Amino acid sequence: MPQITVDHSAQLTDAFDRRGFALALNPLVVEVAAAKIENCKIVFRPADETVVGDAADGHAVVHVTIGLLAGRTEETKARLTEGALDLVRQFLKAPTGLALHVSAETRDLDDSYRKYEEE
C-alpha cells in the first residue's frame, strides 16, 4: 500500500513524463497520507483505444487511481486527489489539437487486500 494505477490513452505515451510524475507523486502520498515511500507502487497502463462521447478521435484520457488502506479522512483523500491532478498538469504536455480528459480518485482498498514481497 498504496496501490496506484495510471491509465492513459496510448497517444500520450511520448507526451507524459511518467517517471517524473511517479517520482513527484510518491513523496506527496507520503506527506499527505502518511505512507512509507518504499511502499508506494505505481503502474502505468497505456490504453490502445479510448473513446470519449461520440467523438471518433481528437480526445485523450488520463485517470489516476490511488488505493490506500482504510482510515484516511475524506479531506486527506481529497487533498491527495487534487495533488495528483496538479502533478498530471505538470508532467503531461498534451499534443496540440487534442482534447484532454484528466481525472483522479483516492479510495480505500477493500478489507480483503493482502500482499507479499520477495527479494
PDB file of N, CA and C in Angstrom:
ATOM      1  N   MET A   1       0.853  -1.152   0.000  1.00  0.00           N
ATOM      2  CA  MET A   1       0.000   0.000   0.000  1.00  0.00           C
ATOM      3  C   MET A   1       0.907   1.225   0.000  1.00  0.00           C
ATOM      4  N   PRO A   2       0.591   2.266  -0.656  1.00  0.00           N
ATOM      5  CA  PRO A   2      -0.538   2.456  -1.549  1.00  0.00           C
ATOM      6  C   PRO A   2      -0.339   1.781  -2.909  1.00  0.00           C
ATOM      7  N   GLN A   3      -1.481   1.448  -3.506  1.00  0.00           N
ATOM      8  CA  GLN A   3      -1.507   0.886  -4.847  1.00  0.00           C
ATOM      9  C   GLN A   3      -2.013   1.983  -5.782  1.00  0.00           C
ATOM     10  N   ILE A   4      -1.184   2.377  -6.727  1.00  0.00           N
ATOM     11  CA  ILE A   4      -1.531   3.483  -7.620  1.00  0.00           C
ATOM     12  C   ILE A   4      -1.494   2.982  -9.058  1.00  0.00           C
ATOM     13  N   THR A   5      -2.557   3.270  -9.791  1.00  0.00           N
ATOM     14  CA  THR A   5      -2.649   2.897 -11.194  1.00  0.00           C
ATOM     15  C   THR A   5      -2.941   4.148 -12.015  1.00  0.00           C
ATOM     16  N   VAL A   6      -2.221   4.298 -13.110  1.00  0.00           N
ATOM     17  CA  VAL A   6      -2.446   5.422 -14.012  1.00  0.00           C
ATOM     18  C   VAL A   6      -2.783   4.849 -15.381  1.00  0.00           C
ATOM     19  N   ASP A   7      -4.052   4.979 -15.752  1.00  0.00           N
ATOM     20  CA  ASP A   7      -4.500   4.575 -17.083  1.00  0.00           C
ATOM     21  C   ASP A   7      -4.438   5.803 -17.983  1.00  0.00           C
ATOM     22  N   HIS A   8      -3.933   5.627 -19.210  1.00  0.00           N
ATOM     23  CA  HIS A   8      -3.855   6.774 -20.118  1.00  0.00           C
ATOM     24  C   HIS A   8      -3.944   6.320 -21.564  1.00  0.00           C
ATOM     25  N   SER A   9      -4.476   7.205 -22.394  1.00  0.00           N
ATOM     26  CA  SER A   9      -4.538   6.947 -23.827  1.00  0.00           C
ATOM     27  C   SER A   9      -3.121   6.769 -24.367  1.00  0.00           C
ATOM     28  N   ALA A  10      -2.947   5.785 -25.213  1.00  0.00           N
ATOM     29  CA  ALA A  10      -1.617   5.464 -25.729  1.00  0.00           C
ATOM     30  C   ALA A  10      -0.975   6.635 -26.474  1.00  0.00           C
ATOM     31  N   GLN A  11      -1.792   7.491 -27.109  1.00  0.00           N
ATOM     32  CA  GLN A  11      -1.194   8.599 -27.858  1.00  0.00           C
ATOM     33  C   GLN A  11      -0.519   9.629 -26.950  1.00  0.00           C
ATOM     34  N   LEU A  12      -0.672   9.474 -25.633  1.00  0.00           N
ATOM     35  CA  LEU A  12       0.002  10.375 -24.686  1.00  0.00           C
ATOM     36  C   LEU A  12       1.345   9.837 -24.207  1.00  0.00           C
ATOM     37  N   THR A  13       1.710   8.651 -24.631  1.00  0.00           N
ATOM     38  CA  THR A  13       2.912   7.996 -24.112  1.00  0.00           C
ATOM     39  C   THR A  13       4.147   8.881 -24.214  1.00  0.00           C
ATOM     40  N   ASP A  14       4.379   9.496 -25.346  1.00  0.00           N
ATOM     41  CA  ASP A  14       5.577  10.337 -25.504  1.00  0.00           C
ATOM     42  C   ASP A  14       5.433  11.699 -24.832  1.00  0.00           C
ATOM     43  N   ALA A  15       4.201  12.128 -24.577  1.00  0.00           N
ATOM     44  CA  ALA A  15       3.951  13.453 -24.004  1.00  0.00           C
ATOM     45  C   ALA A  15       3.882  13.444 -22.479  1.00  0.00           C
ATOM     46  N   PHE A  16       3.842  12.265 -21.884  1.00  0.00           N
ATOM     47  CA  PHE A  16       3.647  12.111 -20.443  1.00  0.00           C
ATOM     48  C   PHE A  16       4.949  11.635 -19.813  1.00  0.00           C
ATOM     49  N   ASP A  17       5.554  12.498 -19.004  1.00  0.00           N
ATOM     50  CA  ASP A  17       6.764  12.123 -18.269  1.00  0.00           C
ATOM     51  C   ASP A  17       6.328  11.277 -17.072  1.00  0.00           C
ATOM     52  N   ARG A  18       6.135   9.994 -17.340  1.00  0.00           N
ATOM     53  CA  ARG A  18       5.601   9.100 -16.320  1.00  0.00           C
ATOM     54  C   ARG A  18       6.557   8.924 -15.149  1.00  0.00           C
ATOM     55  N   ARG A  19       7.805   8.786 -15.414  1.00  0.00           N
ATOM     56  CA  ARG A  19       8.780   8.623 -14.320  1.00  0.00           C
ATOM     57  C   ARG A  19       8.829   9.879 -13.451  1.00  0.00           C
ATOM     58  N   GLY A  20       8.861  11.048 -14.086  1.00  0.00           N
ATOM     59  CA  GLY A  20       8.850  12.298 -13.323  1.00  0.00           C
ATOM     60  C   GLY A  20       7.599  12.422 -12.480  1.00  0.00           C
ATOM     61  N   PHE A  21       6.446  12.057 -13.078  1.00  0.00           N
ATOM     62  CA  PHE A  21       5.181  12.076 -12.353  1.00  0.00           C
ATOM     63  C   PHE A  21       5.262  11.154 -11.135  1.00  0.00           C
ATOM     64  N   ALA A  22       5.721   9.931 -11.340  1.00  0.00           N
ATOM     65  CA  ALA A  22       5.801   8.957 -10.243  1.00  0.00           C
ATOM     66  C   ALA A  22       6.728   9.437  -9.134  1.00  0.00           C
ATOM     67  N   LEU A  23       7.875   9.973  -9.517  1.00  0.00           N
ATOM     68  CA  LEU A  23       8.836  10.424  -8.507  1.00  0.00           C
ATOM     69  C   LEU A  23       8.359  11.662  -7.764  1.00  0.00           C
ATOM     70  N   ALA A  24       7.405  12.389  -8.326  1.00  0.00           N
ATOM     71  CA  ALA A  24       6.792  13.520  -7.619  1.00  0.00           C
ATOM     72  C   ALA A  24       5.574  13.075  -6.803  1.00  0.00           C
ATOM     73  N   LEU A  25       4.823  12.093  -7.322  1.00  0.00           N
ATOM     74  CA  LEU A  25       3.619  11.644  -6.615  1.00  0.00           C
ATOM     75  C   LEU A  25       3.968  10.869  -5.349  1.00  0.00           C
ATOM     76  N   ASN A  26       4.967  10.012  -5.400  1.00  0.00           N
ATOM     77  CA  ASN A  26       5.290   9.205  -4.219  1.00  0.00           C
ATOM     78  C   ASN A  26       5.543  10.047  -2.966  1.00  0.00           C
ATOM     79  N   PRO A  27       6.374  11.079  -3.015  1.00  0.00           N
ATOM     80  CA  PRO A  27       6.566  11.896  -1.803  1.00  0.00           C
ATOM     81  C   PRO A  27       5.288  12.623  -1.378  1.00  0.00           C
ATOM     82  N   LEU A  28       4.441  12.977  -2.334  1.00  0.00           N
ATOM     83  CA  LEU A  28       3.169  13.609  -1.985  1.00  0.00           C
ATOM     84  C   LEU A  28       2.299  12.637  -1.188  1.00  0.00           C
ATOM     85  N   VAL A  29       2.257  11.389  -1.613  1.00  0.00           N
ATOM     86  CA  VAL A  29       1.483  10.374  -0.898  1.00  0.00           C
ATOM     87  C   VAL A  29       2.033  10.203   0.521  1.00  0.00           C
ATOM     88  N   VAL A  30       3.342  10.214   0.655  1.00  0.00           N
ATOM     89  CA  VAL A  30       3.967  10.105   1.982  1.00  0.00           C
ATOM     90  C   VAL A  30       3.555  11.284   2.857  1.00  0.00           C
ATOM     91  N   GLU A  31       3.646  12.484   2.306  1.00  0.00           N
ATOM     92  CA  GLU A  31       3.332  13.691   3.066  1.00  0.00           C
ATOM     93  C   GLU A  31       1.856  13.767   3.450  1.00  0.00           C
ATOM     94  N   VAL A  32       0.983  13.537   2.507  1.00  0.00           N
ATOM     95  CA  VAL A  32      -0.452  13.748   2.736  1.00  0.00           C
ATOM     96  C   VAL A  32      -1.103  12.566   3.447  1.00  0.00           C
ATOM     97  N   ALA A  33      -0.726  11.346   3.070  1.00  0.00           N
ATOM     98  CA  ALA A  33      -1.429  10.163   3.573  1.00  0.00           C
ATOM     99  C   ALA A  33      -0.626   9.348   4.577  1.00  0.00           C
ATOM    100  N   ALA A  34       0.527   9.855   4.987  1.00  0.00           N
ATOM    101  CA  ALA A  34       1.364   9.176   5.984  1.00  0.00           C
ATOM    102  C   ALA A  34       1.746   7.760   5.557  1.00  0.00           C
ATOM    103  N   ALA A  35       2.044   7.598   4.279  1.00  0.00           N
ATOM    104  CA  ALA A  35       2.513   6.308   3.770  1.00  0.00           C
ATOM    105  C   ALA A  35       4.032   6.262   3.877  1.00  0.00           C
ATOM    106  N   LYS A  36       4.600   5.097   3.659  1.00  0.00           N
ATOM    107  CA  LYS A  36       6.053   4.940   3.612  1.00  0.00           C
ATOM    108  C   LYS A  36       6.482   4.928   2.152  1.00  0.00           C
ATOM    109  N   ILE A  37       7.518   5.685   1.838  1.00  0.00           N
ATOM    110  CA  ILE A  37       7.961   5.821   0.450  1.00  0.00           C
ATOM    111  C   ILE A  37       8.253   4.464  -0.195  1.00  0.00           C
ATOM    112  N   GLU A  38       8.822   3.543   0.564  1.00  0.00           N
ATOM    113  CA  GLU A  38       9.171   2.238  -0.004  1.00  0.00           C
ATOM    114  C   GLU A  38       7.936   1.385  -0.312  1.00  0.00           C
ATOM    115  N   ASN A  39       6.783   1.787   0.160  1.00  0.00           N
ATOM    116  CA  ASN A  39       5.553   1.046  -0.119  1.00  0.00           C
ATOM    117  C   ASN A  39       4.755   1.622  -1.289  1.00  0.00           C
ATOM    118  N   CYS A  40       5.172   2.762  -1.793  1.00  0.00           N
ATOM    119  CA  CYS A  40       4.457   3.390  -2.913  1.00  0.00           C
ATOM    120  C   CYS A  40       4.780   2.646  -4.206  1.00  0.00           C
ATOM    121  N   LYS A  41       3.737   2.167  -4.863  1.00  0.00           N
ATOM    122  CA  LYS A  41       3.890   1.423  -6.112  1.00  0.00           C
ATOM    123  C   LYS A  41       2.956   2.021  -7.147  1.00  0.00           C
ATOM    124  N   ILE A  42       3.503   2.313  -8.327  1.00  0.00           N
ATOM    125  CA  ILE A  42       2.703   2.911  -9.391  1.00  0.00           C
ATOM    126  C   ILE A  42       2.840   2.062 -10.650  1.00  0.00           C
ATOM    127  N   VAL A  43       1.687   1.740 -11.240  1.00  0.00           N
ATOM    128  CA  VAL A  43       1.646   1.004 -12.501  1.00  0.00           C
ATOM    129  C   VAL A  43       1.004   1.910 -13.543  1.00  0.00           C
ATOM    130  N   PHE A  44       1.662   2.065 -14.686  1.00  0.00           N
ATOM    131  CA  PHE A  44       1.116   2.847 -15.794  1.00  0.00           C
ATOM    132  C   PHE A  44       0.568   1.882 -16.834  1.00  0.00           C
ATOM    133  N   ARG A  45      -0.659   2.145 -17.289  1.00  0.00           N
ATOM    134  CA  ARG A  45      -1.302   1.279 -18.272  1.00  0.00           C
ATOM    135  C   ARG A  45      -1.774   2.104 -19.454  1.00  0.00           C
ATOM    136  N   PRO A  46      -0.985   2.102 -20.543  1.00  0.00           N
ATOM    137  CA  PRO A  46      -1.454   2.794 -21.747  1.00  0.00           C
ATOM    138  C   PRO A  46      -2.577   1.992 -22.404  1.00  0.00           C
ATOM    139  N   ALA A  47      -3.626   2.686 -22.777  1.00  0.00           N
ATOM    140  CA  ALA A  47      -4.761   2.047 -23.439  1.00  0.00           C
ATOM    141  C   ALA A  47      -4.669   2.320 -24.931  1.00  0.00           C
ATOM    142  N   ASP A  48      -4.657   1.271 -25.723  1.00  0.00           N
ATOM    143  CA  ASP A  48      -4.569   1.423 -27.174  1.00  0.00           C
ATOM    144  C   ASP A  48      -5.760   2.170 -27.742  1.00  0.00           C
ATOM    145  N   GLU A  49      -6.898   2.035 -27.087  1.00  0.00           N
ATOM    146  CA  GLU A  49      -8.092   2.699 -27.595  1.00  0.00           C
ATOM    147  C   GLU A  49      -8.885   3.298 -26.443  1.00  0.00           C
ATOM    148  N   THR A  50      -9.224   4.554 -26.584  1.00  0.00           N
ATOM    149  CA  THR A  50     -10.135   5.223 -25.659  1.00  0.00           C
ATOM    150  C   THR A  50     -11.161   5.979 -26.486  1.00  0.00           C
ATOM    151  N   VAL A  51     -12.375   6.047 -25.988  1.00  0.00           N
ATOM    152  CA  VAL A  51     -13.458   6.728 -26.692  1.00  0.00           C
ATOM    153  C   VAL A  51     -14.094   7.703 -25.720  1.00  0.00           C
ATOM    154  N   VAL A  52     -14.284   8.929 -26.159  1.00  0.00           N
ATOM    155  CA  VAL A  52     -14.952   9.948 -25.357  1.00  0.00           C
ATOM    156  C   VAL A  52     -16.212  10.366 -26.100  1.00  0.00           C
ATOM    157  N   GLY A  53     -17.350  10.168 -25.469  1.00  0.00           N
ATOM    158  CA  GLY A  53     -18.624  10.539 -26.086  1.00  0.00           C
ATOM    159  C   GLY A  53     -18.807   9.865 -27.425  1.00  0.00           C
ATOM    160  N   ASP A  54     -19.199  10.651 -28.429  1.00  0.00           N
ATOM    161  CA  ASP A  54     -19.386  10.095 -29.763  1.00  0.00           C
ATOM    162  C   ASP A  54     -18.288  10.546 -30.728  1.00  0.00           C
ATOM    163  N   ALA A  55     -17.183  11.038 -30.158  1.00  0.00           N
ATOM    164  CA  ALA A  55     -16.074  11.526 -30.981  1.00  0.00           C
ATOM    165  C   ALA A  55     -15.247  10.355 -31.510  1.00  0.00           C
ATOM    166  N   ALA A  56     -14.933  10.426 -32.777  1.00  0.00           N
ATOM    167  CA  ALA A  56     -14.119   9.382 -33.386  1.00  0.00           C
ATOM    168  C   ALA A  56     -12.656   9.495 -32.974  1.00  0.00           C
ATOM    169  N   ASP A  57     -12.181  10.724 -32.804  1.00  0.00           N
ATOM    170  CA  ASP A  57     -10.794  10.920 -32.406  1.00  0.00           C
ATOM    171  C   ASP A  57     -10.640  12.327 -31.834  1.00  0.00           C
ATOM    172  N   GLY A  58      -9.405  12.705 -31.550  1.00  0.00           N
ATOM    173  CA  GLY A  58      -9.143  14.050 -31.045  1.00  0.00           C
ATOM    174  C   GLY A  58      -9.250  14.192 -29.546  1.00  0.00           C
ATOM    175  N   HIS A  59      -9.416  13.061 -28.832  1.00  0.00           N
ATOM    176  CA  HIS A  59      -9.525  13.094 -27.383  1.00  0.00           C
ATOM    177  C   HIS A  59      -8.516  12.126 -26.775  1.00  0.00           C
ATOM    178  N   ALA A  60      -8.066  12.435 -25.562  1.00  0.00           N
ATOM    179  CA  ALA A  60      -7.178  11.549 -24.816  1.00  0.00           C
ATOM    180  C   ALA A  60      -7.607  11.577 -23.353  1.00  0.00           C
ATOM    181  N   VAL A  61      -7.337  10.477 -22.663  1.00  0.00           N
ATOM    182  CA  VAL A  61      -7.786  10.282 -21.294  1.00  0.00           C
ATOM    183  C   VAL A  61      -6.614   9.914 -20.390  1.00  0.00           C
ATOM    184  N   VAL A  62      -6.629  10.473 -19.174  1.00  0.00           N
ATOM    185  CA  VAL A  62      -5.735  10.038 -18.101  1.00  0.00           C
ATOM    186  C   VAL A  62      -6.603   9.871 -16.865  1.00  0.00           C
ATOM    187  N   HIS A  63      -6.475   8.723 -16.198  1.00  0.00           N
ATOM    188  CA  HIS A  63      -7.179   8.528 -14.933  1.00  0.00           C
ATOM    189  C   HIS A  63      -6.211   7.918 -13.922  1.00  0.00           C
ATOM    190  N   VAL A  64      -6.091   8.577 -12.768  1.00  0.00           N
ATOM    191  CA  VAL A  64      -5.204   8.137 -11.689  1.00  0.00           C
ATOM    192  C   VAL A  64      -6.075   7.562 -10.574  1.00  0.00           C
ATOM    193  N   THR A  65      -5.783   6.334 -10.173  1.00  0.00           N
ATOM    194  CA  THR A  65      -6.477   5.704  -9.054  1.00  0.00           C
ATOM    195  C   THR A  65      -5.459   5.439  -7.954  1.00  0.00           C
ATOM    196  N   ILE A  66      -5.734   5.971  -6.770  1.00  0.00           N
ATOM    197  CA  ILE A  66      -4.857   5.775  -5.619  1.00  0.00           C
ATOM    198  C   ILE A  66      -5.628   4.964  -4.586  1.00  0.00           C
ATOM    199  N   GLY A  67      -5.142   3.773  -4.281  1.00  0.00           N
ATOM    200  CA  GLY A  67      -5.777   2.916  -3.292  1.00  0.00           C
ATOM    201  C   GLY A  67      -4.970   2.909  -2.007  1.00  0.00           C
ATOM    202  N   LEU A  68      -5.633   3.258  -0.906  1.00  0.00           N
ATOM    203  CA  LEU A  68      -4.990   3.324   0.408  1.00  0.00           C
ATOM    204  C   LEU A  68      -5.704   2.397   1.382  1.00  0.00           C
ATOM    205  N   LEU A  69      -4.994   1.940   2.394  1.00  0.00           N
ATOM    206  CA  LEU A  69      -5.657   1.229   3.470  1.00  0.00           C
ATOM    207  C   LEU A  69      -6.653   2.169   4.126  1.00  0.00           C
ATOM    208  N   ALA A  70      -7.746   1.641   4.592  1.00  0.00           N
ATOM    209  CA  ALA A  70      -8.809   2.448   5.189  1.00  0.00           C
ATOM    210  C   ALA A  70      -8.285   3.220   6.398  1.00  0.00           C
ATOM    211  N   GLY A  71      -8.957   4.339   6.681  1.00  0.00           N
ATOM    212  CA  GLY A  71      -8.615   5.112   7.869  1.00  0.00           C
ATOM    213  C   GLY A  71      -8.288   6.566   7.582  1.00  0.00           C
ATOM    214  N   ARG A  72      -8.057   6.910   6.314  1.00  0.00           N
ATOM    215  CA  ARG A  72      -7.795   8.314   5.973  1.00  0.00           C
ATOM    216  C   ARG A  72      -9.112   9.068   5.911  1.00  0.00           C
ATOM    217  N   THR A  73      -9.069  10.328   6.285  1.00  0.00           N
ATOM    218  CA  THR A  73     -10.273  11.164   6.233  1.00  0.00           C
ATOM    219  C   THR A  73     -10.600  11.500   4.782  1.00  0.00           C
ATOM    220  N   GLU A  74     -11.837  11.919   4.558  1.00  0.00           N
ATOM    221  CA  GLU A  74     -12.241  12.354   3.225  1.00  0.00           C
ATOM    222  C   GLU A  74     -11.422  13.574   2.804  1.00  0.00           C
ATOM    223  N   GLU A  75     -11.077  14.435   3.747  1.00  0.00           N
ATOM    224  CA  GLU A  75     -10.243  15.604   3.445  1.00  0.00           C
ATOM    225  C   GLU A  75      -8.861  15.169   2.961  1.00  0.00           C
ATOM    226  N   THR A  76      -8.275  14.188   3.624  1.00  0.00           N
ATOM    227  CA  THR A  76      -6.960  13.683   3.221  1.00  0.00           C
ATOM    228  C   THR A  76      -7.026  13.102   1.818  1.00  0.00           C
ATOM    229  N   LYS A  77      -8.044  12.301   1.541  1.00  0.00           N
ATOM    230  CA  LYS A  77      -8.184  11.699   0.210  1.00  0.00           C
ATOM    231  C   LYS A  77      -8.395  12.774  -0.854  1.00  0.00           C
ATOM    232  N   ALA A  78      -9.174  13.802  -0.535  1.00  0.00           N
ATOM    233  CA  ALA A  78      -9.406  14.896  -1.491  1.00  0.00           C
ATOM    234  C   ALA A  78      -8.108  15.656  -1.764  1.00  0.00           C
ATOM    235  N   ARG A  79      -7.314  15.927  -0.733  1.00  0.00           N
ATOM    236  CA  ARG A  79      -6.020  16.616  -0.919  1.00  0.00           C
ATOM    237  C   ARG A  79      -5.097  15.807  -1.818  1.00  0.00           C
ATOM    238  N   LEU A  80      -5.084  14.512  -1.604  1.00  0.00           N
ATOM    239  CA  LEU A  80      -4.227  13.646  -2.408  1.00  0.00           C
ATOM    240  C   LEU A  80      -4.697  13.608  -3.860  1.00  0.00           C
ATOM    241  N   THR A  81      -6.001  13.528  -4.058  1.00  0.00           N
ATOM    242  CA  THR A  81      -6.552  13.531  -5.420  1.00  0.00           C
ATOM    243  C   THR A  81      -6.220  14.834  -6.137  1.00  0.00           C
ATOM    244  N   GLU A  82      -6.429  15.963  -5.484  1.00  0.00           N
ATOM    245  CA  GLU A  82      -6.103  17.270  -6.085  1.00  0.00           C
ATOM    246  C   GLU A  82      -4.612  17.368  -6.394  1.00  0.00           C
ATOM    247  N   GLY A  83      -3.782  16.861  -5.486  1.00  0.00           N
ATOM    248  CA  GLY A  83      -2.338  16.872  -5.718  1.00  0.00           C
ATOM    249  C   GLY A  83      -1.951  16.043  -6.929  1.00  0.00           C
ATOM    250  N   ALA A  84      -2.595  14.901  -7.096  1.00  0.00           N
ATOM    251  CA  ALA A  84      -2.319  14.045  -8.258  1.00  0.00           C
ATOM    252  C   ALA A  84      -2.706  14.763  -9.548  1.00  0.00           C
ATOM    253  N   LEU A  85      -3.854  15.438  -9.548  1.00  0.00           N
ATOM    254  CA  LEU A  85      -4.269  16.194 -10.735  1.00  0.00           C
ATOM    255  C   LEU A  85      -3.273  17.311 -11.054  1.00  0.00           C
ATOM    256  N   ASP A  86      -2.813  18.013 -10.041  1.00  0.00           N
ATOM    257  CA  ASP A  86      -1.810  19.070 -10.255  1.00  0.00           C
ATOM    258  C   ASP A  86      -0.539  18.504 -10.876  1.00  0.00           C
ATOM    259  N   LEU A  87      -0.123  17.325 -10.412  1.00  0.00           N
ATOM    260  CA  LEU A  87       1.092  16.718 -10.962  1.00  0.00           C
ATOM    261  C   LEU A  87       0.897  16.265 -12.408  1.00  0.00           C
ATOM    262  N   VAL A  88      -0.270  15.779 -12.757  1.00  0.00           N
ATOM    263  CA  VAL A  88      -0.522  15.438 -14.159  1.00  0.00           C
ATOM    264  C   VAL A  88      -0.347  16.690 -15.012  1.00  0.00           C
ATOM    265  N   ARG A  89      -0.894  17.813 -14.547  1.00  0.00           N
ATOM    266  CA  ARG A  89      -0.742  19.078 -15.295  1.00  0.00           C
ATOM    267  C   ARG A  89       0.733  19.422 -15.522  1.00  0.00           C
ATOM    268  N   GLN A  90       1.564  19.144 -14.524  1.00  0.00           N
ATOM    269  CA  GLN A  90       2.991  19.477 -14.622  1.00  0.00           C
ATOM    270  C   GLN A  90       3.761  18.537 -15.549  1.00  0.00           C
ATOM    271  N   PHE A  91       3.388  17.262 -15.568  1.00  0.00           N
ATOM    272  CA  PHE A  91       4.201  16.257 -16.256  1.00  0.00           C
ATOM    273  C   PHE A  91       3.614  15.752 -17.569  1.00  0.00           C
ATOM    274  N   LEU A  92       2.477  16.302 -17.978  1.00  0.00           N
ATOM    275  CA  LEU A  92       1.862  15.922 -19.246  1.00  0.00           C
ATOM    276  C   LEU A  92       1.763  17.136 -20.145  1.00  0.00           C
ATOM    277  N   LYS A  93       2.362  17.053 -21.287  1.00  0.00           N
ATOM    278  CA  LYS A  93       2.292  18.103 -22.305  1.00  0.00           C
ATOM    279  C   LYS A  93       1.511  17.545 -23.485  1.00  0.00           C
ATOM    280  N   ALA A  94       0.201  17.723 -23.431  1.00  0.00           N
ATOM    281  CA  ALA A  94      -0.677  17.137 -24.458  1.00  0.00           C
ATOM    282  C   ALA A  94      -0.382  17.742 -25.827  1.00  0.00           C
ATOM    283  N   PRO A  95      -0.380  16.913 -26.849  1.00  0.00           N
ATOM    284  CA  PRO A  95      -0.183  17.427 -28.203  1.00  0.00           C
ATOM    285  C   PRO A  95      -1.272  18.439 -28.578  1.00  0.00           C
ATOM    286  N   THR A  96      -0.907  19.421 -29.366  1.00  0.00           N
ATOM    287  CA  THR A  96      -1.844  20.440 -29.820  1.00  0.00           C
ATOM    288  C   THR A  96      -3.003  19.794 -30.572  1.00  0.00           C
ATOM    289  N   GLY A  97      -4.200  20.323 -30.329  1.00  0.00           N
ATOM    290  CA  GLY A  97      -5.379  19.838 -31.016  1.00  0.00           C
ATOM    291  C   GLY A  97      -6.007  18.609 -30.391  1.00  0.00           C
ATOM    292  N   LEU A  98      -5.498  18.186 -29.273  1.00  0.00           N
ATOM    293  CA  LEU A  98      -6.025  17.011 -28.594  1.00  0.00           C
ATOM    294  C   LEU A  98      -6.770  17.454 -27.341  1.00  0.00           C
ATOM    295  N   ALA A  99      -8.048  17.121 -27.235  1.00  0.00           N
ATOM    296  CA  ALA A  99      -8.828  17.435 -26.037  1.00  0.00           C
ATOM    297  C   ALA A  99      -8.442  16.439 -24.951  1.00  0.00           C
ATOM    298  N   LEU A 100      -8.060  16.943 -23.814  1.00  0.00           N
ATOM    299  CA  LEU A 100      -7.539  16.109 -22.728  1.00  0.00           C
ATOM    300  C   LEU A 100      -8.571  15.997 -21.614  1.00  0.00           C
ATOM    301  N   HIS A 101      -8.810  14.776 -21.160  1.00  0.00           N
ATOM    302  CA  HIS A 101      -9.749  14.486 -20.077  1.00  0.00           C
ATOM    303  C   HIS A 101      -8.950  13.808 -18.962  1.00  0.00           C
ATOM    304  N   VAL A 102      -8.742  14.517 -17.852  1.00  0.00           N
ATOM    305  CA  VAL A 102      -7.932  14.001 -16.751  1.00  0.00           C
ATOM    306  C   VAL A 102      -8.801  13.890 -15.511  1.00  0.00           C
ATOM    307  N   SER A 103      -8.698  12.754 -14.843  1.00  0.00           N
ATOM    308  CA  SER A 103      -9.444  12.545 -13.611  1.00  0.00           C
ATOM    309  C   SER A 103      -8.591  11.747 -12.635  1.00  0.00           C
ATOM    310  N   ALA A 104      -9.002  11.779 -11.375  1.00  0.00           N
ATOM    311  CA  ALA A 104      -8.283  11.035 -10.340  1.00  0.00           C
ATOM    312  C   ALA A 104      -9.248  10.711  -9.214  1.00  0.00           C
ATOM    313  N   GLU A 105      -8.930   9.668  -8.499  1.00  0.00           N
ATOM    314  CA  GLU A 105      -9.699   9.313  -7.313  1.00  0.00           C
ATOM    315  C   GLU A 105      -8.762   8.668  -6.302  1.00  0.00           C
ATOM    316  N   THR A 106      -9.068   8.887  -5.039  1.00  0.00           N
ATOM    317  CA  THR A 106      -8.379   8.201  -3.963  1.00  0.00           C
ATOM    318  C   THR A 106      -9.442   7.424  -3.213  1.00  0.00           C
ATOM    319  N   ARG A 107      -9.224   6.142  -3.068  1.00  0.00           N
ATOM    320  CA  ARG A 107     -10.232   5.285  -2.453  1.00  0.00           C
ATOM    321  C   ARG A 107      -9.588   4.356  -1.437  1.00  0.00           C
ATOM    322  N   ASP A 108     -10.424   3.783  -0.588  1.00  0.00           N
ATOM    323  CA  ASP A 108      -9.961   2.779   0.359  1.00  0.00           C
ATOM    324  C   ASP A 108      -9.822   1.438  -0.337  1.00  0.00           C
ATOM    325  N   LEU A 109      -8.741   0.738  -0.033  1.00  0.00           N
ATOM    326  CA  LEU A 109      -8.610  -0.630  -0.509  1.00  0.00           C
ATOM    327  C   LEU A 109      -9.617  -1.501   0.242  1.00  0.00           C
ATOM    328  N   ASP A 110     -10.083  -2.533  -0.407  1.00  0.00           N
ATOM    329  CA  ASP A 110     -11.028  -3.442   0.209  1.00  0.00           C
ATOM    330  C   ASP A 110     -10.374  -4.153   1.396  1.00  0.00           C
ATOM    331  N   ASP A 111     -11.198  -4.549   2.353  1.00  0.00           N
ATOM    332  CA  ASP A 111     -10.691  -5.265   3.539  1.00  0.00           C
ATOM    333  C   ASP A 111      -9.977  -6.560   3.174  1.00  0.00           C
ATOM    334  N   SER A 112     -10.235  -7.087   1.996  1.00  0.00           N
ATOM    335  CA  SER A 112      -9.594  -8.339   1.570  1.00  0.00           C
ATOM    336  C   SER A 112      -8.168  -8.121   1.060  1.00  0.00           C
ATOM    337  N   TYR A 113      -7.708  -6.890   0.960  1.00  0.00           N
ATOM    338  CA  TYR A 113      -6.372  -6.583   0.420  1.00  0.00           C
ATOM    339  C   TYR A 113      -5.294  -7.328   1.213  1.00  0.00           C
ATOM    340  N   ARG A 114      -4.425  -7.998   0.502  1.00  0.00           N
ATOM    341  CA  ARG A 114      -3.264  -8.685   1.074  1.00  0.00           C
ATOM    342  C   ARG A 114      -2.105  -8.492   0.119  1.00  0.00           C
ATOM    343  N   LYS A 115      -0.885  -8.694   0.598  1.00  0.00           N
ATOM    344  CA  LYS A 115       0.272  -8.612  -0.277  1.00  0.00           C
ATOM    345  C   LYS A 115       1.373  -9.511   0.260  1.00  0.00           C
ATOM    346  N   TYR A 116       2.323  -9.795  -0.604  1.00  0.00           N
ATOM    347  CA  TYR A 116       3.559 -10.424  -0.174  1.00  0.00           C
ATOM    348  C   TYR A 116       4.679  -9.871  -1.036  1.00  0.00           C
ATOM    349  N   GLU A 117       5.890  -9.967  -0.538  1.00  0.00           N
ATOM    350  CA  GLU A 117       7.052  -9.458  -1.260  1.00  0.00           C
ATOM    351  C   GLU A 117       8.139 -10.510  -1.273  1.00  0.00           C
ATOM    352  N   GLU A 118       8.879 -10.546  -2.360  1.00  0.00           N
ATOM    353  CA  GLU A 118      10.044 -11.416  -2.468  1.00  0.00           C
ATOM    354  C   GLU A 118      11.224 -10.576  -2.907  1.00  0.00           C
ATOM    355  N   GLU A 119      12.359 -10.921  -2.387  1.00  0.00           N
ATOM    356  CA  GLU A 119      13.589 -10.211  -2.804  1.00  0.00           C
ATOM    357  C   GLU A 119      14.598 -11.170  -3.320  1.00  0.00           C
TER     358      GLU A 119
END
